[in-house]
Amino acid sequence: QVQLVESGGGSVQPGGSLRLSCAASRTVFGFYAMAWYRQAPGKQREQVALITNSSITNYADSVKGRFTISRDGAKNLVYLQMNSLKPEDTAVYYCYAVSESRVGYWGQGTRVTVSS
């Protein structure tokens, strides 16, 4: 069973930065893909950033140029660097991993609040 544990959420002012981390219970390079999703109050969960096992990345239009997804194989971590944060980035952020057999796994989420 794969476990994903997010950390790094918190409160920040508009224009600020946060780095989220997702600790996986096995090597992050062993997954078909890993992604960050977010869910704001009253809204559906949406994919924010994706990185494949070929290191191809994809971002939601709303975060392009501001967010960066990356992996650290030595530490079994996936990061989401978030810069120039806006109030509309406020949400619970979830780590998601897809195994080579296309089984999906979710973390428990970490809350990000962007407010002045």
Protein backbone atom coordinates (compact mmCIF):
# COMPACT_ATOMS: atom_id res chain seq x y z
CA GLN A 1 0.00 0.00 0.00
CA VAL A 2 1.35 3.40 -0.99
CA GLN A 3 1.24 6.24 1.51
CA LEU A 4 1.48 9.90 0.61
CA VAL A 5 1.90 12.57 3.25
CA GLU A 6 1.70 16.26 2.38
CA SER A 7 3.24 19.09 4.35
CA GLY A 8 4.13 22.74 3.93
CA GLY A 9 0.70 24.32 3.86
CA GLY A 10 -0.15 27.41 5.84
CA SER A 11 -1.24 31.01 5.63
CA VAL A 12 0.50 33.54 3.42
CA GLN A 13 -0.20 37.02 2.12
CA PRO A 14 -0.94 37.65 -1.56
CA GLY A 15 2.26 37.70 -3.55
CA GLY A 16 3.97 35.33 -1.14
CA SER A 17 5.41 31.87 -1.68
CA LEU A 18 5.01 28.40 -0.21
CA ARG A 19 6.58 25.06 -1.00
CA LEU A 20 4.47 21.98 -0.50
CA SER A 21 6.08 18.58 -0.03
CA CYS A 22 4.65 15.14 -0.60
CA ALA A 23 6.50 12.27 1.07
CA ALA A 24 5.91 8.93 -0.62
CA SER A 25 6.39 5.53 1.01
CA ARG A 26 8.39 4.37 -2.00
CA THR A 27 10.56 5.88 -4.68
CA VAL A 28 8.81 8.66 -6.53
CA PHE A 29 10.47 7.53 -9.76
CA GLY A 30 8.53 4.28 -9.54
CA PHE A 31 5.19 5.92 -10.28
CA TYR A 32 3.68 6.38 -13.72
CA ALA A 33 2.87 9.96 -12.72
CA MET A 34 2.49 12.19 -9.72
CA ALA A 35 0.36 15.26 -9.40
CA TRP A 36 -0.93 17.98 -7.16
CA TYR A 37 -4.64 18.69 -6.99
CA ARG A 38 -6.51 21.30 -5.03
CA GLN A 39 -10.05 21.76 -3.81
CA ALA A 40 -11.39 25.12 -2.81
CA PRO A 41 -14.53 25.45 -0.65
CA GLY A 42 -17.63 24.72 -2.70
CA LYS A 43 -15.63 23.76 -5.78
CA GLN A 44 -14.59 20.53 -7.44
CA ARG A 45 -11.12 19.13 -7.02
CA GLU A 46 -8.88 20.23 -9.87
CA GLN A 47 -5.47 19.17 -11.09
CA VAL A 48 -2.86 21.85 -10.57
CA ALA A 49 0.37 20.23 -11.74
CA LEU A 50 1.51 16.88 -13.07
CA ILE A 51 4.86 15.21 -13.60
CA THR A 52 5.22 11.93 -15.46
CA ASN A 53 7.83 9.21 -15.13
CA SER A 54 9.43 10.79 -18.21
CA SER A 55 9.67 14.10 -16.34
CA ILE A 56 7.07 15.71 -18.56
CA THR A 57 5.21 18.38 -16.64
CA ASN A 58 1.83 19.96 -17.15
CA TYR A 59 0.13 22.82 -15.35
CA ALA A 60 -3.32 24.25 -15.05
CA ASP A 61 -3.59 27.54 -16.94
CA SER A 62 -4.36 29.34 -13.70
CA VAL A 63 -0.95 28.49 -12.20
CA LYS A 64 1.36 28.46 -15.24
CA GLY A 65 4.42 30.57 -14.64
CA ARG A 66 3.81 30.64 -10.89
CA PHE A 67 3.88 27.02 -9.73
CA THR A 68 6.57 24.40 -10.32
CA ILE A 69 6.36 20.66 -9.67
CA SER A 70 9.53 18.69 -9.07
CA ARG A 71 10.79 15.43 -7.61
CA ASP A 72 13.64 14.42 -5.32
CA GLY A 73 14.33 10.74 -5.81
CA ALA A 74 16.85 10.54 -2.99
CA LYS A 75 14.24 11.71 -0.48
CA ASN A 76 11.14 10.20 -2.10
CA LEU A 77 9.59 13.67 -2.23
CA VAL A 78 7.52 15.59 -4.71
CA TYR A 79 7.38 19.34 -4.35
CA LEU A 80 5.05 22.07 -5.46
CA GLN A 81 6.76 25.45 -5.38
CA MET A 82 4.10 28.14 -5.37
CA ASN A 83 5.07 31.74 -6.06
CA SER A 84 3.07 34.93 -6.52
CA LEU A 85 0.21 33.41 -4.60
CA LYS A 86 -3.27 34.83 -5.04
CA PRO A 87 -6.35 34.62 -2.84
CA GLU A 88 -7.91 32.31 -5.42
CA ASP A 89 -5.13 29.80 -4.73
CA THR A 90 -6.70 29.19 -1.32
CA ALA A 91 -7.60 25.51 -1.13
CA VAL A 92 -6.70 22.15 0.32
CA TYR A 93 -3.88 20.73 -1.77
CA TYR A 94 -3.62 17.00 -2.34
CA CYS A 95 -0.79 14.84 -3.58
CA TYR A 96 -1.78 12.13 -6.04
CA ALA A 97 0.25 9.25 -7.42
CA VAL A 98 -0.52 6.75 -10.17
CA SER A 99 1.32 3.46 -10.13
CA GLU A 100 2.62 1.69 -13.22
CA SER A 101 -0.48 -0.52 -13.01
CA ARG A 102 -2.61 2.66 -13.08
CA VAL A 103 -3.78 2.47 -9.48
CA GLY A 104 -4.25 5.89 -7.92
CA TYR A 105 -3.35 6.99 -4.42
CA TRP A 106 -4.24 10.17 -2.52
CA GLY A 107 -2.64 11.97 0.36
CA GLN A 108 -4.67 13.50 3.17
CA GLY A 109 -4.21 17.09 1.99
CA THR A 110 -2.63 20.24 3.32
CA ARG A 111 -4.42 23.57 3.60
CA VAL A 112 -3.18 26.73 1.92
CA THR A 113 -4.74 30.08 2.75
CA VAL A 114 -3.81 33.22 0.85
CA SER A 115 -5.18 36.31 2.52
CA SER A 116 -4.16 39.78 3.57
